[in-house]
PDB file of N, CA and C in Angstrom:
ATOM      1  N   MET A   1     103.003  -7.273  54.249  1.00  0.00           N
ATOM      2  CA  MET A   1     102.161  -6.506  55.015  1.00  0.00           C
ATOM      3  C   MET A   1     100.493  -6.807  55.142  1.00  0.00           C
ATOM      4  N   ARG A   2     100.075  -7.326  55.674  1.00  0.00           N
ATOM      5  CA  ARG A   2      98.709  -7.858  55.787  1.00  0.00           C
ATOM      6  C   ARG A   2      97.872  -6.709  55.949  1.00  0.00           C
ATOM      7  N   ASN A   3      98.093  -5.480  56.117  1.00  0.00           N
ATOM      8  CA  ASN A   3      97.163  -4.502  56.179  1.00  0.00           C
ATOM      9  C   ASN A   3      97.070  -3.575  54.992  1.00  0.00           C
ATOM     10  N   PHE A   4      98.269  -3.603  54.222  1.00  0.00           N
ATOM     11  CA  PHE A   4      98.463  -2.788  53.183  1.00  0.00           C
ATOM     12  C   PHE A   4      97.419  -2.737  52.248  1.00  0.00           C
ATOM     13  N   VAL A   5      96.968  -1.909  51.770  1.00  0.00           N
ATOM     14  CA  VAL A   5      95.452  -1.938  50.808  1.00  0.00           C
ATOM     15  C   VAL A   5      96.195  -1.546  49.232  1.00  0.00           C
ATOM     16  N   GLN A   6      96.764  -0.239  49.391  1.00  0.00           N
ATOM     17  CA  GLN A   6      97.336  -0.095  47.699  1.00  0.00           C
ATOM     18  C   GLN A   6      98.236   1.280  47.929  1.00  0.00           C
ATOM     19  N   ALA A   7      98.933   1.581  46.793  1.00  0.00           N
ATOM     20  CA  ALA A   7      99.933   2.758  46.978  1.00  0.00           C
ATOM     21  C   ALA A   7      99.009   4.144  47.542  1.00  0.00           C
ATOM     22  N   GLY A   8      97.759   4.046  46.659  1.00  0.00           N
ATOM     23  CA  GLY A   8      96.964   5.230  47.046  1.00  0.00           C
ATOM     24  C   GLY A   8      97.356   6.357  45.795  1.00  0.00           C
ATOM     25  N   CYS A   9      97.889   6.147  44.759  1.00  0.00           N
ATOM     26  CA  CYS A   9      98.054   7.279  43.691  1.00  0.00           C
ATOM     27  C   CYS A   9      96.845   7.108  42.901  1.00  0.00           C
ATOM     28  N   ASN A  10      96.368   6.100  42.556  1.00  0.00           N
ATOM     29  CA  ASN A  10      94.942   5.935  41.823  1.00  0.00           C
ATOM     30  C   ASN A  10      94.003   5.522  42.571  1.00  0.00           C
ATOM     31  N   LEU A  11      92.672   6.140  42.910  1.00  0.00           N
ATOM     32  CA  LEU A  11      91.802   5.810  43.723  1.00  0.00           C
ATOM     33  C   LEU A  11      90.306   5.659  43.123  1.00  0.00           C
ATOM     34  N   ASP A  12      89.480   4.778  43.446  1.00  0.00           N
ATOM     35  CA  ASP A  12      88.054   4.942  42.928  1.00  0.00           C
ATOM     36  C   ASP A  12      87.575   5.845  43.583  1.00  0.00           C
ATOM     37  N   LEU A  13      86.902   6.748  43.084  1.00  0.00           N
ATOM     38  CA  LEU A  13      86.192   7.898  43.578  1.00  0.00           C
ATOM     39  C   LEU A  13      84.881   8.096  42.869  1.00  0.00           C
ATOM     40  N   THR A  14      83.685   8.870  43.622  1.00  0.00           N
ATOM     41  CA  THR A  14      82.676   9.060  43.106  1.00  0.00           C
ATOM     42  C   THR A  14      82.770  10.418  42.276  1.00  0.00           C
ATOM     43  N   ALA A  15      82.490  10.491  41.053  1.00  0.00           N
ATOM     44  CA  ALA A  15      82.632  11.812  40.133  1.00  0.00           C
ATOM     45  C   ALA A  15      81.351  12.640  40.927  1.00  0.00           C
ATOM     46  N   PRO A  16      81.982  13.813  41.295  1.00  0.00           N
ATOM     47  CA  PRO A  16      81.141  14.906  41.743  1.00  0.00           C
ATOM     48  C   PRO A  16      80.400  15.535  40.751  1.00  0.00           C
ATOM     49  N   ARG A  17      80.672  15.724  39.622  1.00  0.00           N
ATOM     50  CA  ARG A  17      79.967  16.321  38.432  1.00  0.00           C
ATOM     51  C   ARG A  17      80.214  15.132  37.141  1.00  0.00           C
ATOM     52  N   ALA A  18      79.803  15.571  35.933  1.00  0.00           N
ATOM     53  CA  ALA A  18      80.541  14.803  34.601  1.00  0.00           C
ATOM     54  C   ALA A  18      81.570  15.191  34.581  1.00  0.00           C
ATOM     55  N   LEU A  19      82.592  14.218  34.202  1.00  0.00           N
ATOM     56  CA  LEU A  19      84.075  14.850  34.393  1.00  0.00           C
ATOM     57  C   LEU A  19      84.549  14.260  32.726  1.00  0.00           C
ATOM     58  N   ALA A  20      85.375  14.879  32.427  1.00  0.00           N
ATOM     59  CA  ALA A  20      86.173  14.181  31.114  1.00  0.00           C
ATOM     60  C   ALA A  20      87.625  13.888  31.624  1.00  0.00           C
ATOM     61  N   SER A  21      88.328  13.130  30.782  1.00  0.00           N
ATOM     62  CA  SER A  21      89.527  12.494  31.092  1.00  0.00           C
ATOM     63  C   SER A  21      90.554  13.550  30.990  1.00  0.00           C
ATOM     64  N   GLY A  22      91.044  13.570  32.142  1.00  0.00           N
ATOM     65  CA  GLY A  22      92.130  14.837  32.492  1.00  0.00           C
ATOM     66  C   GLY A  22      91.504  16.127  33.253  1.00  0.00           C
ATOM     67  N   GLU A  23      90.299  16.163  33.601  1.00  0.00           N
ATOM     68  CA  GLU A  23      89.825  17.067  34.111  1.00  0.00           C
ATOM     69  C   GLU A  23      90.162  17.074  35.796  1.00  0.00           C
ATOM     70  N   GLY A  24      90.270  18.138  36.554  1.00  0.00           N
ATOM     71  CA  GLY A  24      90.503  17.940  38.112  1.00  0.00           C
ATOM     72  C   GLY A  24      89.254  18.039  38.645  1.00  0.00           C
ATOM     73  N   PHE A  25      89.172  17.413  40.030  1.00  0.00           N
ATOM     74  CA  PHE A  25      87.895  17.615  40.798  1.00  0.00           C
ATOM     75  C   PHE A  25      88.214  17.488  42.391  1.00  0.00           C
ATOM     76  N   ILE A  26      87.387  17.624  43.160  1.00  0.00           N
ATOM     77  CA  ILE A  26      87.609  17.545  44.427  1.00  0.00           C
ATOM     78  C   ILE A  26      86.615  16.430  45.003  1.00  0.00           C
ATOM     79  N   VAL A  27      86.753  16.023  45.911  1.00  0.00           N
ATOM     80  CA  VAL A  27      85.963  14.789  46.637  1.00  0.00           C
ATOM     81  C   VAL A  27      86.181  15.091  48.080  1.00  0.00           C
ATOM     82  N   GLY A  28      85.537  15.756  48.897  1.00  0.00           N
ATOM     83  CA  GLY A  28      85.875  15.790  50.256  1.00  0.00           C
ATOM     84  C   GLY A  28      86.931  16.850  50.606  1.00  0.00           C
ATOM     85  N   ALA A  29      88.127  16.093  51.004  1.00  0.00           N
ATOM     86  CA  ALA A  29      89.402  16.961  51.011  1.00  0.00           C
ATOM     87  C   ALA A  29      90.628  16.329  50.252  1.00  0.00           C
ATOM     88  N   LEU A  30      90.028  15.642  49.033  1.00  0.00           N
ATOM     89  CA  LEU A  30      90.896  14.943  48.128  1.00  0.00           C
ATOM     90  C   LEU A  30      90.811  15.529  46.930  1.00  0.00           C
ATOM     91  N   PHE A  31      92.084  16.192  46.043  1.00  0.00           N
ATOM     92  CA  PHE A  31      91.789  16.538  45.027  1.00  0.00           C
ATOM     93  C   PHE A  31      92.577  15.606  44.100  1.00  0.00           C
ATOM     94  N   ALA A  32      91.984  15.427  42.868  1.00  0.00           N
ATOM     95  CA  ALA A  32      92.290  14.158  41.671  1.00  0.00           C
ATOM     96  C   ALA A  32      92.095  14.565  40.432  1.00  0.00           C
ATOM     97  N   VAL A  33      92.531  14.012  39.535  1.00  0.00           N
ATOM     98  CA  VAL A  33      92.525  14.346  38.141  1.00  0.00           C
ATOM     99  C   VAL A  33      91.865  12.658  37.557  1.00  0.00           C
ATOM    100  N   ALA A  34      90.921  12.938  36.776  1.00  0.00           N
ATOM    101  CA  ALA A  34      89.755  11.837  36.144  1.00  0.00           C
ATOM    102  C   ALA A  34      90.717  11.207  35.198  1.00  0.00           C
ATOM    103  N   SER A  35      91.150  10.098  35.303  1.00  0.00           N
ATOM    104  CA  SER A  35      91.903   9.191  34.600  1.00  0.00           C
ATOM    105  C   SER A  35      90.841   8.943  33.002  1.00  0.00           C
ATOM    106  N   THR A  36      89.678   9.175  33.234  1.00  0.00           N
ATOM    107  CA  THR A  36      88.644   8.502  32.109  1.00  0.00           C
ATOM    108  C   THR A  36      87.391   9.461  32.373  1.00  0.00           C
ATOM    109  N   THR A  37      86.795   9.750  31.284  1.00  0.00           N
ATOM    110  CA  THR A  37      85.446  10.210  31.229  1.00  0.00           C
ATOM    111  C   THR A  37      84.329   9.709  32.222  1.00  0.00           C
ATOM    112  N   ALA A  38      83.459  10.182  33.092  1.00  0.00           N
ATOM    113  CA  ALA A  38      82.600   9.560  33.973  1.00  0.00           C
ATOM    114  C   ALA A  38      81.455  10.721  34.175  1.00  0.00           C
ATOM    115  N   ALA A  39      80.288   9.999  33.981  1.00  0.00           N
ATOM    116  CA  ALA A  39      79.291  10.818  34.265  1.00  0.00           C
ATOM    117  C   ALA A  39      78.903  11.138  35.844  1.00  0.00           C
ATOM    118  N   SER A  40      78.457  11.947  36.148  1.00  0.00           N
ATOM    119  CA  SER A  40      78.172  12.369  37.626  1.00  0.00           C
ATOM    120  C   SER A  40      77.475  11.316  38.529  1.00  0.00           C
ATOM    121  N   GLY A  41      78.204  11.016  39.842  1.00  0.00           N
ATOM    122  CA  GLY A  41      77.806  10.077  40.528  1.00  0.00           C
ATOM    123  C   GLY A  41      78.576   8.689  40.084  1.00  0.00           C
ATOM    124  N   ALA A  42      79.333   8.602  38.817  1.00  0.00           N
ATOM    125  CA  ALA A  42      79.781   7.569  38.556  1.00  0.00           C
ATOM    126  C   ALA A  42      81.199   7.208  39.290  1.00  0.00           C
ATOM    127  N   VAL A  43      81.601   5.975  39.249  1.00  0.00           N
ATOM    128  CA  VAL A  43      82.759   5.806  39.818  1.00  0.00           C
ATOM    129  C   VAL A  43      83.872   6.080  38.772  1.00  0.00           C
ATOM    130  N   VAL A  44      84.737   6.794  39.055  1.00  0.00           N
ATOM    131  CA  VAL A  44      86.068   7.055  38.204  1.00  0.00           C
ATOM    132  C   VAL A  44      87.367   7.046  39.292  1.00  0.00           C
ATOM    133  N   VAL A  45      88.401   6.487  38.183  1.00  0.00           N
ATOM    134  CA  VAL A  45      89.618   6.551  38.936  1.00  0.00           C
ATOM    135  C   VAL A  45      90.344   7.734  38.936  1.00  0.00           C
ATOM    136  N   GLY A  46      90.580   8.213  40.368  1.00  0.00           N
ATOM    137  CA  GLY A  46      91.255   9.670  40.304  1.00  0.00           C
ATOM    138  C   GLY A  46      92.616   9.603  40.629  1.00  0.00           C
ATOM    139  N   VAL A  47      93.413  10.356  40.096  1.00  0.00           N
ATOM    140  CA  VAL A  47      94.944  10.280  40.271  1.00  0.00           C
ATOM    141  C   VAL A  47      95.560  11.567  41.015  1.00  0.00           C
ATOM    142  N   THR A  48      95.984  10.968  42.105  1.00  0.00           N
ATOM    143  CA  THR A  48      96.160  11.928  43.343  1.00  0.00           C
ATOM    144  C   THR A  48      97.867  12.518  43.441  1.00  0.00           C
ATOM    145  N   GLU A  49      98.635  11.836  42.362  1.00  0.00           N
ATOM    146  CA  GLU A  49     100.032  12.096  42.469  1.00  0.00           C
ATOM    147  C   GLU A  49     100.503  12.154  41.102  1.00  0.00           C
ATOM    148  N   GLY A  50     101.414  13.194  40.700  1.00  0.00           N
ATOM    149  CA  GLY A  50     101.977  13.313  39.358  1.00  0.00           C
ATOM    150  C   GLY A  50     102.246  14.538  39.059  1.00  0.00           C
ATOM    151  N   VAL A  51     102.482  14.903  37.539  1.00  0.00           N
ATOM    152  CA  VAL A  51     102.611  16.068  36.885  1.00  0.00           C
ATOM    153  C   VAL A  51     101.550  16.530  35.933  1.00  0.00           C
ATOM    154  N   PHE A  52     100.510  17.378  35.956  1.00  0.00           N
ATOM    155  CA  PHE A  52      99.714  17.314  35.114  1.00  0.00           C
ATOM    156  C   PHE A  52      99.407  18.763  34.656  1.00  0.00           C
ATOM    157  N   THR A  53      98.973  18.676  33.145  1.00  0.00           N
ATOM    158  CA  THR A  53      98.978  20.382  32.852  1.00  0.00           C
ATOM    159  C   THR A  53      97.293  20.331  33.049  1.00  0.00           C
ATOM    160  N   LEU A  54      96.979  21.588  33.721  1.00  0.00           N
ATOM    161  CA  LEU A  54      95.508  21.877  33.804  1.00  0.00           C
ATOM    162  C   LEU A  54      95.119  23.040  33.763  1.00  0.00           C
ATOM    163  N   PRO A  55      93.762  23.515  33.433  1.00  0.00           N
ATOM    164  CA  PRO A  55      93.284  24.466  32.908  1.00  0.00           C
ATOM    165  C   PRO A  55      93.599  25.497  34.291  1.00  0.00           C
ATOM    166  N   LYS A  56      93.986  26.859  33.828  1.00  0.00           N
ATOM    167  CA  LYS A  56      94.340  28.001  34.580  1.00  0.00           C
ATOM    168  C   LYS A  56      93.467  29.210  34.523  1.00  0.00           C
ATOM    169  N   LYS A  57      93.131  29.993  35.517  1.00  0.00           N
ATOM    170  CA  LYS A  57      92.482  31.284  35.325  1.00  0.00           C
ATOM    171  C   LYS A  57      93.502  32.291  34.557  1.00  0.00           C
ATOM    172  N   THR A  58      93.060  32.451  33.506  1.00  0.00           N
ATOM    173  CA  THR A  58      94.023  33.333  32.411  1.00  0.00           C
ATOM    174  C   THR A  58      94.770  34.549  33.119  1.00  0.00           C
ATOM    175  N   ALA A  59      93.917  35.385  34.027  1.00  0.00           N
ATOM    176  CA  ALA A  59      94.714  36.103  34.741  1.00  0.00           C
ATOM    177  C   ALA A  59      95.782  35.842  35.609  1.00  0.00           C
ATOM    178  N   ALA A  60      95.814  34.635  36.333  1.00  0.00           N
ATOM    179  CA  ALA A  60      96.454  34.383  37.042  1.00  0.00           C
ATOM    180  C   ALA A  60      97.998  34.277  36.890  1.00  0.00           C
ATOM    181  N   VAL A  61      99.101  34.504  37.942  1.00  0.00           N
ATOM    182  CA  VAL A  61     100.410  34.616  37.628  1.00  0.00           C
ATOM    183  C   VAL A  61     101.112  33.730  38.493  1.00  0.00           C
ATOM    184  N   ILE A  62     101.568  32.582  37.996  1.00  0.00           N
ATOM    185  CA  ILE A  62     102.174  31.658  38.911  1.00  0.00           C
ATOM    186  C   ILE A  62     103.861  31.512  38.589  1.00  0.00           C
ATOM    187  N   ALA A  63     104.431  31.533  39.317  1.00  0.00           N
ATOM    188  CA  ALA A  63     106.022  31.249  38.992  1.00  0.00           C
ATOM    189  C   ALA A  63     106.335  29.833  39.051  1.00  0.00           C
ATOM    190  N   ALA A  64     107.325  29.534  38.356  1.00  0.00           N
ATOM    191  CA  ALA A  64     108.011  28.097  38.437  1.00  0.00           C
ATOM    192  C   ALA A  64     107.985  28.076  40.220  1.00  0.00           C
ATOM    193  N   GLY A  65     107.869  26.837  40.504  1.00  0.00           N
ATOM    194  CA  GLY A  65     107.840  26.514  41.998  1.00  0.00           C
ATOM    195  C   GLY A  65     106.816  27.214  42.959  1.00  0.00           C
ATOM    196  N   GLY A  66     106.209  28.086  42.248  1.00  0.00           N
ATOM    197  CA  GLY A  66     104.607  28.578  43.206  1.00  0.00           C
ATOM    198  C   GLY A  66     103.733  27.542  43.626  1.00  0.00           C
ATOM    199  N   ARG A  67     103.071  28.041  44.829  1.00  0.00           N
ATOM    200  CA  ARG A  67     101.767  27.186  44.984  1.00  0.00           C
ATOM    201  C   ARG A  67     100.844  27.236  43.801  1.00  0.00           C
ATOM    202  N   VAL A  68     100.277  26.221  43.697  1.00  0.00           N
ATOM    203  CA  VAL A  68      98.555  26.382  42.983  1.00  0.00           C
ATOM    204  C   VAL A  68      97.815  25.655  43.814  1.00  0.00           C
ATOM    205  N   SER A  69      96.516  26.669  43.487  1.00  0.00           N
ATOM    206  CA  SER A  69      95.238  26.119  44.227  1.00  0.00           C
ATOM    207  C   SER A  69      94.134  26.081  43.105  1.00  0.00           C
ATOM    208  N   TRP A  70      93.204  25.125  43.541  1.00  0.00           N
ATOM    209  CA  TRP A  70      92.260  24.794  42.752  1.00  0.00           C
ATOM    210  C   TRP A  70      90.651  25.679  43.085  1.00  0.00           C
ATOM    211  N   ASP A  71      90.313  26.289  41.896  1.00  0.00           N
ATOM    212  CA  ASP A  71      89.077  26.780  42.255  1.00  0.00           C
ATOM    213  C   ASP A  71      87.738  25.974  41.747  1.00  0.00           C
ATOM    214  N   ASN A  72      87.348  25.403  42.828  1.00  0.00           N
ATOM    215  CA  ASN A  72      86.428  24.208  42.728  1.00  0.00           C
ATOM    216  C   ASN A  72      85.048  24.831  42.245  1.00  0.00           C
ATOM    217  N   THR A  73      84.669  26.251  42.138  1.00  0.00           N
ATOM    218  CA  THR A  73      83.578  26.348  41.430  1.00  0.00           C
ATOM    219  C   THR A  73      83.744  27.103  39.768  1.00  0.00           C
ATOM    220  N   ASN A  74      84.696  27.334  39.528  1.00  0.00           N
ATOM    221  CA  ASN A  74      85.155  27.343  38.024  1.00  0.00           C
ATOM    222  C   ASN A  74      85.831  26.065  37.537  1.00  0.00           C
ATOM    223  N   HIS A  75      86.598  25.223  38.046  1.00  0.00           N
ATOM    224  CA  HIS A  75      87.286  24.106  37.996  1.00  0.00           C
ATOM    225  C   HIS A  75      88.339  24.552  37.019  1.00  0.00           C
ATOM    226  N   GLN A  76      89.091  25.435  37.726  1.00  0.00           N
ATOM    227  CA  GLN A  76      90.553  25.651  37.156  1.00  0.00           C
ATOM    228  C   GLN A  76      91.480  25.910  38.315  1.00  0.00           C
ATOM    229  N   CYS A  77      92.816  26.026  37.780  1.00  0.00           N
ATOM    230  CA  CYS A  77      93.811  26.231  38.791  1.00  0.00           C
ATOM    231  C   CYS A  77      93.833  27.880  38.924  1.00  0.00           C
ATOM    232  N   ASP A  78      94.194  28.409  40.038  1.00  0.00           N
ATOM    233  CA  ASP A  78      94.459  29.964  40.089  1.00  0.00           C
ATOM    234  C   ASP A  78      95.857  30.090  41.313  1.00  0.00           C
ATOM    235  N   ALA A  79      96.317  31.104  41.922  1.00  0.00           N
ATOM    236  CA  ALA A  79      97.012  31.581  42.511  1.00  0.00           C
ATOM    237  C   ALA A  79      96.478  31.440  43.830  1.00  0.00           C
ATOM    238  N   PRO A  80      97.175  31.285  45.166  1.00  0.00           N
ATOM    239  CA  PRO A  80      96.482  31.164  46.323  1.00  0.00           C
ATOM    240  C   PRO A  80      95.703  31.976  46.537  1.00  0.00           C
ATOM    241  N   GLY A  81      94.555  31.952  47.248  1.00  0.00           N
ATOM    242  CA  GLY A  81      93.511  32.803  47.696  1.00  0.00           C
ATOM    243  C   GLY A  81      92.567  32.175  48.364  1.00  0.00           C
ATOM    244  N   ALA A  82      92.029  33.021  49.236  1.00  0.00           N
ATOM    245  CA  ALA A  82      90.455  32.769  50.099  1.00  0.00           C
ATOM    246  C   ALA A  82      89.548  31.842  49.252  1.00  0.00           C
ATOM    247  N   GLY A  83      89.435  30.729  49.732  1.00  0.00           N
ATOM    248  CA  GLY A  83      88.213  29.690  49.136  1.00  0.00           C
ATOM    249  C   GLY A  83      88.943  28.912  47.980  1.00  0.00           C
ATOM    250  N   LEU A  84      89.961  29.106  47.736  1.00  0.00           N
ATOM    251  CA  LEU A  84      90.800  27.830  46.866  1.00  0.00           C
ATOM    252  C   LEU A  84      91.387  26.856  47.705  1.00  0.00           C
ATOM    253  N   TYR A  85      91.548  25.718  47.054  1.00  0.00           N
ATOM    254  CA  TYR A  85      92.102  24.596  47.531  1.00  0.00           C
ATOM    255  C   TYR A  85      93.553  24.382  47.052  1.00  0.00           C
ATOM    256  N   PRO A  86      94.646  24.298  47.858  1.00  0.00           N
ATOM    257  CA  PRO A  86      96.080  24.064  47.705  1.00  0.00           C
ATOM    258  C   PRO A  86      96.239  22.708  46.830  1.00  0.00           C
ATOM    259  N   ILE A  87      96.646  22.572  45.753  1.00  0.00           N
ATOM    260  CA  ILE A  87      96.643  20.839  45.424  1.00  0.00           C
ATOM    261  C   ILE A  87      98.364  20.861  44.871  1.00  0.00           C
ATOM    262  N   GLY A  88      98.879  21.881  44.628  1.00  0.00           N
ATOM    263  CA  GLY A  88     100.697  21.498  44.634  1.00  0.00           C
ATOM    264  C   GLY A  88     101.412  22.570  44.060  1.00  0.00           C
ATOM    265  N   VAL A  89     102.466  22.438  43.303  1.00  0.00           N
ATOM    266  CA  VAL A  89     103.374  23.340  42.946  1.00  0.00           C
ATOM    267  C   VAL A  89     103.450  23.536  41.329  1.00  0.00           C
ATOM    268  N   ALA A  90     103.565  24.379  40.768  1.00  0.00           N
ATOM    269  CA  ALA A  90     103.883  24.880  39.429  1.00  0.00           C
ATOM    270  C   ALA A  90     105.527  24.448  39.001  1.00  0.00           C
ATOM    271  N   VAL A  91     105.498  23.740  37.985  1.00  0.00           N
ATOM    272  CA  VAL A  91     106.737  23.368  37.619  1.00  0.00           C
ATOM    273  C   VAL A  91     107.426  24.257  36.590  1.00  0.00           C
ATOM    274  N   ALA A  92     106.716  24.925  35.859  1.00  0.00           N
ATOM    275  CA  ALA A  92     107.024  26.110  35.072  1.00  0.00           C
ATOM    276  C   ALA A  92     105.938  27.202  35.289  1.00  0.00           C
ATOM    277  N   ALA A  93     106.726  28.185  34.987  1.00  0.00           N
ATOM    278  CA  ALA A  93     105.957  29.589  34.998  1.00  0.00           C
ATOM    279  C   ALA A  93     104.626  29.719  34.392  1.00  0.00           C
ATOM    280  N   ALA A  94     103.619  30.080  34.601  1.00  0.00           N
ATOM    281  CA  ALA A  94     102.264  30.220  33.661  1.00  0.00           C
ATOM    282  C   ALA A  94     101.856  31.814  34.056  1.00  0.00           C
ATOM    283  N   GLY A  95     102.204  32.746  33.216  1.00  0.00           N
ATOM    284  CA  GLY A  95     101.842  33.918  33.415  1.00  0.00           C
ATOM    285  C   GLY A  95     100.551  34.559  32.973  1.00  0.00           C
ATOM    286  N   ASN A  96     100.257  35.711  32.902  1.00  0.00           N
ATOM    287  CA  ASN A  96      98.951  36.463  32.813  1.00  0.00           C
ATOM    288  C   ASN A  96      98.713  35.976  31.263  1.00  0.00           C
ATOM    289  N   GLY A  97      97.462  35.255  30.657  1.00  0.00           N
ATOM    290  CA  GLY A  97      97.191  35.197  29.430  1.00  0.00           C
ATOM    291  C   GLY A  97      97.382  33.568  29.102  1.00  0.00           C
ATOM    292  N   ALA A  98      98.174  32.875  30.010  1.00  0.00           N
ATOM    293  CA  ALA A  98      98.085  31.627  29.872  1.00  0.00           C
ATOM    294  C   ALA A  98      97.033  30.700  30.232  1.00  0.00           C
ATOM    295  N   ALA A  99      96.469  29.781  29.572  1.00  0.00           N
ATOM    296  CA  ALA A  99      95.270  29.078  29.731  1.00  0.00           C
ATOM    297  C   ALA A  99      95.562  27.770  30.518  1.00  0.00           C
ATOM    298  N   THR A 100      97.031  27.394  30.810  1.00  0.00           N
ATOM    299  CA  THR A 100      97.151  25.951  31.595  1.00  0.00           C
ATOM    300  C   THR A 100      98.415  26.671  32.477  1.00  0.00           C
ATOM    301  N   VAL A 101      98.389  25.437  33.400  1.00  0.00           N
ATOM    302  CA  VAL A 101      99.525  25.408  34.310  1.00  0.00           C
ATOM    303  C   VAL A 101      99.732  23.994  34.399  1.00  0.00           C
ATOM    304  N   THR A 102     101.373  23.769  34.421  1.00  0.00           N
ATOM    305  CA  THR A 102     101.935  22.297  34.909  1.00  0.00           C
ATOM    306  C   THR A 102     102.096  22.211  36.196  1.00  0.00           C
ATOM    307  N   VAL A 103     101.412  21.455  36.798  1.00  0.00           N
ATOM    308  CA  VAL A 103     101.310  21.313  38.514  1.00  0.00           C
ATOM    309  C   VAL A 103     102.023  19.874  38.871  1.00  0.00           C
ATOM    310  N   ARG A 104     102.742  19.954  39.766  1.00  0.00           N
ATOM    311  CA  ARG A 104     102.914  18.557  40.588  1.00  0.00           C
ATOM    312  C   ARG A 104     102.105  18.405  41.722  1.00  0.00           C
ATOM    313  N   LEU A 105     101.260  17.554  41.770  1.00  0.00           N
ATOM    314  CA  LEU A 105      99.916  17.552  42.598  1.00  0.00           C
ATOM    315  C   LEU A 105     100.757  17.036  43.835  1.00  0.00           C
ATOM    316  N   ASP A 106     100.393  17.750  44.990  1.00  0.00           N
ATOM    317  CA  ASP A 106     101.006  17.305  46.467  1.00  0.00           C
ATOM    318  C   ASP A 106     100.299  15.729  47.063  1.00  0.00           C
ATOM    319  N   GLY A 107      99.237  15.488  46.292  1.00  0.00           N
ATOM    320  CA  GLY A 107      98.887  14.069  46.774  1.00  0.00           C
ATOM    321  C   GLY A 107      98.339  14.122  48.094  1.00  0.00           C
ATOM    322  N   VAL A 108      97.992  15.061  48.933  1.00  0.00           N
ATOM    323  CA  VAL A 108      97.570  14.931  50.068  1.00  0.00           C
ATOM    324  C   VAL A 108      96.356  15.621  50.655  1.00  0.00           C
ATOM    325  N   SER A 109      95.777  15.687  51.519  1.00  0.00           N
ATOM    326  CA  SER A 109      94.435  16.041  51.802  1.00  0.00           C
ATOM    327  C   SER A 109      94.531  17.828  51.895  1.00  0.00           C
ATOM    328  N   THR A 110      93.459  18.569  51.364  1.00  0.00           N
ATOM    329  CA  THR A 110      93.168  19.822  51.084  1.00  0.00           C
ATOM    330  C   THR A 110      91.974  20.310  51.527  1.00  0.00           C
ATOM    331  N   ALA A 111      91.935  21.713  52.000  1.00  0.00           N
ATOM    332  CA  ALA A 111      90.789  22.224  52.289  1.00  0.00           C
ATOM    333  C   ALA A 111      90.767  23.639  51.958  1.00  0.00           C
ATOM    334  N   ALA A 112      89.590  24.259  51.475  1.00  0.00           N
ATOM    335  CA  ALA A 112      89.701  25.762  51.176  1.00  0.00           C
ATOM    336  C   ALA A 112      90.188  26.598  52.086  1.00  0.00           C
ATOM    337  N   ALA A 113      91.363  27.663  51.352  1.00  0.00           N
ATOM    338  CA  ALA A 113      91.900  28.569  52.171  1.00  0.00           C
ATOM    339  C   ALA A 113      91.034  29.526  53.000  1.00  0.00           C
ATOM    340  N   ALA A 114      91.133  30.037  54.368  1.00  0.00           N
ATOM    341  CA  ALA A 114      90.454  30.952  54.723  1.00  0.00           C
ATOM    342  C   ALA A 114      90.694  32.479  54.186  1.00  0.00           C
TER     343      ALA A 114
END
């Protein structure tokens, strides 16, 4: 195909803040995980598909197969709610007190829930 550009799993994006490798971030309507460390404003390869262990609000309770959202203010996952960005589904339960959740990213555009 002459019009094919790339698979789209790994995209060159502008880091919205200083990022460490493995940190989640949002650019517009796209959630990604930084593949490397990057300074704010630098180009970083963002991974938009796959399964990642990400930081979670410790009080959040997320069941295996439950929807996972991103809190773009505190830079962590949470259960779905107003102002949070849907990003994927938990592949394992992450209960109250757990600091992380393992998430299968949707790889689709997102917007903050009303």
